[in-house]
């Protein structure tokens, strides 16, 4: 798990987490972020999300998600462009926001399931389909 340095979080805040790192924006480049990394920005701060996205611009994780509405996503991305007009457009295309699949999630746990489901779909390059509607074998 990754949290902002100014958040009062610990591994106990995230059951099942093996580690919690709290990088400052300028420490992102030192992190190992690869095609097996999924990032979900849930800072609840436009400015922090903007700064983290700017710090991540040269990274290529499997997934980047933004918590919140489509309007919030557009506002965050617009702010990124205000600060960095040369920001790589291709990076924006890999951002999923609002993060998650529409499964009717309401609770925090259900929202987490919807985000993990989307991360798996993106990582495996699959469109979500009900299994009853899938032709052929369930597992390929």
C-alpha atoms as a PDB file:
ATOM      1  CA  UNK A   1       0.000   0.000   0.000  1.00  0.00           C
ATOM      2  CA  UNK A   2       1.113   3.544  -0.641  1.00  0.00           C
ATOM      3  CA  UNK A   3      -0.104   6.537   1.339  1.00  0.00           C
ATOM      4  CA  UNK A   4       0.838  10.199   1.435  1.00  0.00           C
ATOM      5  CA  UNK A   5       3.544  11.003   4.022  1.00  0.00           C
ATOM      6  CA  UNK A   6       1.206  13.344   5.912  1.00  0.00           C
ATOM      7  CA  UNK A   7      -1.511  10.726   6.402  1.00  0.00           C
ATOM      8  CA  UNK A   8      -1.675   8.959   9.722  1.00  0.00           C
ATOM      9  CA  UNK A   9      -1.818   5.440   8.311  1.00  0.00           C
ATOM     10  CA  UNK A  10      -0.136   2.163   9.159  1.00  0.00           C
ATOM     11  CA  UNK A  11      -0.297  -1.411   7.874  1.00  0.00           C
ATOM     12  CA  UNK A  12      -3.057  -2.013  10.417  1.00  0.00           C
ATOM     13  CA  UNK A  13      -5.184   0.486   8.451  1.00  0.00           C
ATOM     14  CA  UNK A  14      -5.114  -1.915   5.468  1.00  0.00           C
ATOM     15  CA  UNK A  15      -5.844  -5.518   6.484  1.00  0.00           C
ATOM     16  CA  UNK A  16      -3.791  -7.884   4.342  1.00  0.00           C
ATOM     17  CA  UNK A  17      -1.181  -5.286   3.368  1.00  0.00           C
ATOM     18  CA  UNK A  18       2.374  -6.550   3.731  1.00  0.00           C
ATOM     19  CA  UNK A  19       3.973  -3.114   3.643  1.00  0.00           C
ATOM     20  CA  UNK A  20       3.026   0.544   3.679  1.00  0.00           C
ATOM     21  CA  UNK A  21       5.210   3.113   2.002  1.00  0.00           C
ATOM     22  CA  UNK A  22       4.683   6.852   2.208  1.00  0.00           C
ATOM     23  CA  UNK A  23       6.674   8.476  -0.588  1.00  0.00           C
ATOM     24  CA  UNK A  24       6.841  12.197  -1.063  1.00  0.00           C
ATOM     25  CA  UNK A  25       6.146  13.360  -4.618  1.00  0.00           C
ATOM     26  CA  UNK A  26       9.862  13.683  -5.364  1.00  0.00           C
ATOM     27  CA  UNK A  27      10.521  10.111  -4.146  1.00  0.00           C
ATOM     28  CA  UNK A  28       8.258   8.433  -6.741  1.00  0.00           C
ATOM     29  CA  UNK A  29      11.139   7.922  -9.193  1.00  0.00           C
ATOM     30  CA  UNK A  30      12.936   5.765  -6.627  1.00  0.00           C
ATOM     31  CA  UNK A  31      10.011   3.325  -6.433  1.00  0.00           C
ATOM     32  CA  UNK A  32       9.941   0.132  -8.468  1.00  0.00           C
ATOM     33  CA  UNK A  33       6.842   0.598 -10.583  1.00  0.00           C
ATOM     34  CA  UNK A  34       6.412  -1.842 -13.448  1.00  0.00           C
ATOM     35  CA  UNK A  35       3.804  -3.712 -15.515  1.00  0.00           C
ATOM     36  CA  UNK A  36       2.800  -5.639 -12.377  1.00  0.00           C
ATOM     37  CA  UNK A  37       2.068  -2.502 -10.368  1.00  0.00           C
ATOM     38  CA  UNK A  38      -1.444  -1.147  -9.857  1.00  0.00           C
ATOM     39  CA  UNK A  39      -1.838   2.373  -8.498  1.00  0.00           C
ATOM     40  CA  UNK A  40      -5.067   3.872  -7.208  1.00  0.00           C
ATOM     41  CA  UNK A  41      -4.918   7.511  -6.132  1.00  0.00           C
ATOM     42  CA  UNK A  42      -7.293   8.049  -3.254  1.00  0.00           C
ATOM     43  CA  UNK A  43      -5.811  11.050  -1.467  1.00  0.00           C
ATOM     44  CA  UNK A  44      -9.117  12.993  -1.455  1.00  0.00           C
ATOM     45  CA  UNK A  45      -7.047  16.042  -2.451  1.00  0.00           C
ATOM     46  CA  UNK A  46      -7.009  17.488  -5.969  1.00  0.00           C
ATOM     47  CA  UNK A  47      -3.590  19.033  -5.416  1.00  0.00           C
ATOM     48  CA  UNK A  48      -2.032  15.812  -4.112  1.00  0.00           C
ATOM     49  CA  UNK A  49      -3.517  13.751  -6.944  1.00  0.00           C
ATOM     50  CA  UNK A  50      -2.151  16.269  -9.462  1.00  0.00           C
ATOM     51  CA  UNK A  51       1.314  16.169  -7.896  1.00  0.00           C
ATOM     52  CA  UNK A  52       1.360  12.359  -7.739  1.00  0.00           C
ATOM     53  CA  UNK A  53       0.274  12.087 -11.392  1.00  0.00           C
ATOM     54  CA  UNK A  54       2.982  14.533 -12.440  1.00  0.00           C
ATOM     55  CA  UNK A  55       5.522  12.480 -10.489  1.00  0.00           C
ATOM     56  CA  UNK A  56       4.287   9.267 -12.154  1.00  0.00           C
ATOM     57  CA  UNK A  57       4.435  10.593 -15.748  1.00  0.00           C
ATOM     58  CA  UNK A  58       7.510   8.555 -16.687  1.00  0.00           C
ATOM     59  CA  UNK A  59       6.305   5.334 -15.046  1.00  0.00           C
ATOM     60  CA  UNK A  60       4.379   2.578 -16.801  1.00  0.00           C
ATOM     61  CA  UNK A  61       2.321   0.644 -14.261  1.00  0.00           C
ATOM     62  CA  UNK A  62      -0.249  -1.928 -15.307  1.00  0.00           C
ATOM     63  CA  UNK A  63      -3.034   0.282 -13.949  1.00  0.00           C
ATOM     64  CA  UNK A  64      -3.600   3.800 -12.652  1.00  0.00           C
ATOM     65  CA  UNK A  65      -6.978   4.618 -11.158  1.00  0.00           C
ATOM     66  CA  UNK A  66      -8.470   7.758  -9.680  1.00  0.00           C
ATOM     67  CA  UNK A  67     -11.105   7.608  -6.987  1.00  0.00           C
ATOM     68  CA  UNK A  68     -14.071   9.911  -7.470  1.00  0.00           C
ATOM     69  CA  UNK A  69     -16.403  11.065 -10.190  1.00  0.00           C
ATOM     70  CA  UNK A  70     -15.739  11.652 -13.885  1.00  0.00           C
ATOM     71  CA  UNK A  71     -15.989  15.382 -13.220  1.00  0.00           C
ATOM     72  CA  UNK A  72     -13.293  15.092 -10.550  1.00  0.00           C
ATOM     73  CA  UNK A  73     -11.097  13.103 -12.952  1.00  0.00           C
ATOM     74  CA  UNK A  74     -11.402  15.761 -15.648  1.00  0.00           C
ATOM     75  CA  UNK A  75     -10.613  18.492 -13.136  1.00  0.00           C
ATOM     76  CA  UNK A  76      -7.490  16.667 -11.912  1.00  0.00           C
ATOM     77  CA  UNK A  77      -6.266  16.009 -15.470  1.00  0.00           C
ATOM     78  CA  UNK A  78      -6.957  19.611 -16.452  1.00  0.00           C
ATOM     79  CA  UNK A  79      -4.896  20.807 -13.492  1.00  0.00           C
ATOM     80  CA  UNK A  80      -2.039  18.516 -14.556  1.00  0.00           C
ATOM     81  CA  UNK A  81      -2.072  20.153 -17.994  1.00  0.00           C
ATOM     82  CA  UNK A  82      -2.178  23.622 -16.442  1.00  0.00           C
ATOM     83  CA  UNK A  83       1.052  22.861 -14.570  1.00  0.00           C
ATOM     84  CA  UNK A  84       2.692  20.784 -17.305  1.00  0.00           C
ATOM     85  CA  UNK A  85       1.330  21.565 -20.790  1.00  0.00           C
ATOM     86  CA  UNK A  86       3.913  19.165 -22.290  1.00  0.00           C
ATOM     87  CA  UNK A  87       2.567  16.257 -20.183  1.00  0.00           C
ATOM     88  CA  UNK A  88       2.493  13.070 -22.317  1.00  0.00           C
ATOM     89  CA  UNK A  89      -1.056  12.622 -23.627  1.00  0.00           C
ATOM     90  CA  UNK A  90      -0.654   8.835 -23.806  1.00  0.00           C
ATOM     91  CA  UNK A  91      -0.304   8.764 -20.032  1.00  0.00           C
ATOM     92  CA  UNK A  92      -3.839  10.173 -19.681  1.00  0.00           C
ATOM     93  CA  UNK A  93      -5.251   7.323 -21.750  1.00  0.00           C
ATOM     94  CA  UNK A  94      -4.055   4.769 -19.205  1.00  0.00           C
ATOM     95  CA  UNK A  95      -5.792   6.507 -16.280  1.00  0.00           C
ATOM     96  CA  UNK A  96      -9.016   4.849 -15.159  1.00  0.00           C
ATOM     97  CA  UNK A  97     -11.389   7.153 -13.437  1.00  0.00           C
ATOM     98  CA  UNK A  98     -13.662   6.734 -11.785  1.00  0.00           C
ATOM     99  CA  UNK A  99     -11.743   3.643 -10.697  1.00  0.00           C
ATOM    100  CA  UNK A 100     -13.660   0.373 -10.662  1.00  0.00           C
ATOM    101  CA  UNK A 101     -16.374  -1.490 -12.523  1.00  0.00           C
ATOM    102  CA  UNK A 102     -20.078  -0.745 -12.236  1.00  0.00           C
ATOM    103  CA  UNK A 103     -21.191  -3.624 -10.017  1.00  0.00           C
ATOM    104  CA  UNK A 104     -23.540  -1.597  -7.822  1.00  0.00           C
ATOM    105  CA  UNK A 105     -20.909  -1.165  -5.106  1.00  0.00           C
ATOM    106  CA  UNK A 106     -21.933   0.939  -2.115  1.00  0.00           C
ATOM    107  CA  UNK A 107     -19.707   0.024   0.829  1.00  0.00           C
ATOM    108  CA  UNK A 108     -15.958   0.568   1.016  1.00  0.00           C
ATOM    109  CA  UNK A 109     -15.373  -3.185   0.703  1.00  0.00           C
ATOM    110  CA  UNK A 110     -17.638  -3.418  -2.360  1.00  0.00           C
ATOM    111  CA  UNK A 111     -15.908  -0.431  -3.971  1.00  0.00           C
ATOM    112  CA  UNK A 112     -12.557  -2.148  -3.351  1.00  0.00           C
ATOM    113  CA  UNK A 113     -13.870  -5.307  -5.071  1.00  0.00           C
ATOM    114  CA  UNK A 114     -14.988  -3.233  -8.076  1.00  0.00           C
ATOM    115  CA  UNK A 115     -11.517  -1.661  -8.315  1.00  0.00           C
ATOM    116  CA  UNK A 116      -9.697  -4.988  -8.019  1.00  0.00           C
ATOM    117  CA  UNK A 117     -11.989  -6.440 -10.709  1.00  0.00           C
ATOM    118  CA  UNK A 118     -11.124  -3.564 -13.048  1.00  0.00           C
ATOM    119  CA  UNK A 119      -7.413  -3.922 -12.298  1.00  0.00           C
ATOM    120  CA  UNK A 120      -7.591  -7.617 -13.252  1.00  0.00           C
ATOM    121  CA  UNK A 121      -9.487  -6.822 -16.470  1.00  0.00           C
ATOM    122  CA  UNK A 122      -6.910  -4.218 -17.473  1.00  0.00           C
ATOM    123  CA  UNK A 123      -3.926  -6.365 -16.520  1.00  0.00           C
ATOM    124  CA  UNK A 124      -5.304  -9.355 -18.461  1.00  0.00           C
ATOM    125  CA  UNK A 125      -6.639  -7.208 -21.320  1.00  0.00           C
ATOM    126  CA  UNK A 126     -10.204  -8.469 -20.947  1.00  0.00           C
ATOM    127  CA  UNK A 127     -13.553  -6.729 -21.168  1.00  0.00           C
ATOM    128  CA  UNK A 128     -15.842  -7.640 -18.275  1.00  0.00           C
ATOM    129  CA  UNK A 129     -18.538 -10.098 -19.365  1.00  0.00           C
ATOM    130  CA  UNK A 130     -21.038 -12.089 -17.331  1.00  0.00           C
ATOM    131  CA  UNK A 131     -19.914 -15.712 -17.413  1.00  0.00           C
ATOM    132  CA  UNK A 132     -23.386 -16.803 -18.531  1.00  0.00           C
ATOM    133  CA  UNK A 133     -22.929 -14.622 -21.631  1.00  0.00           C
ATOM    134  CA  UNK A 134     -19.416 -15.902 -22.422  1.00  0.00           C
ATOM    135  CA  UNK A 135     -19.131 -18.290 -25.316  1.00  0.00           C
ATOM    136  CA  UNK A 136     -16.699 -21.162 -24.955  1.00  0.00           C
ATOM    137  CA  UNK A 137     -14.619 -22.153 -21.962  1.00  0.00           C
ATOM    138  CA  UNK A 138     -14.821 -20.056 -18.814  1.00  0.00           C
ATOM    139  CA  UNK A 139     -11.077 -20.170 -18.192  1.00  0.00           C
ATOM    140  CA  UNK A 140      -8.745 -19.699 -21.123  1.00  0.00           C
END
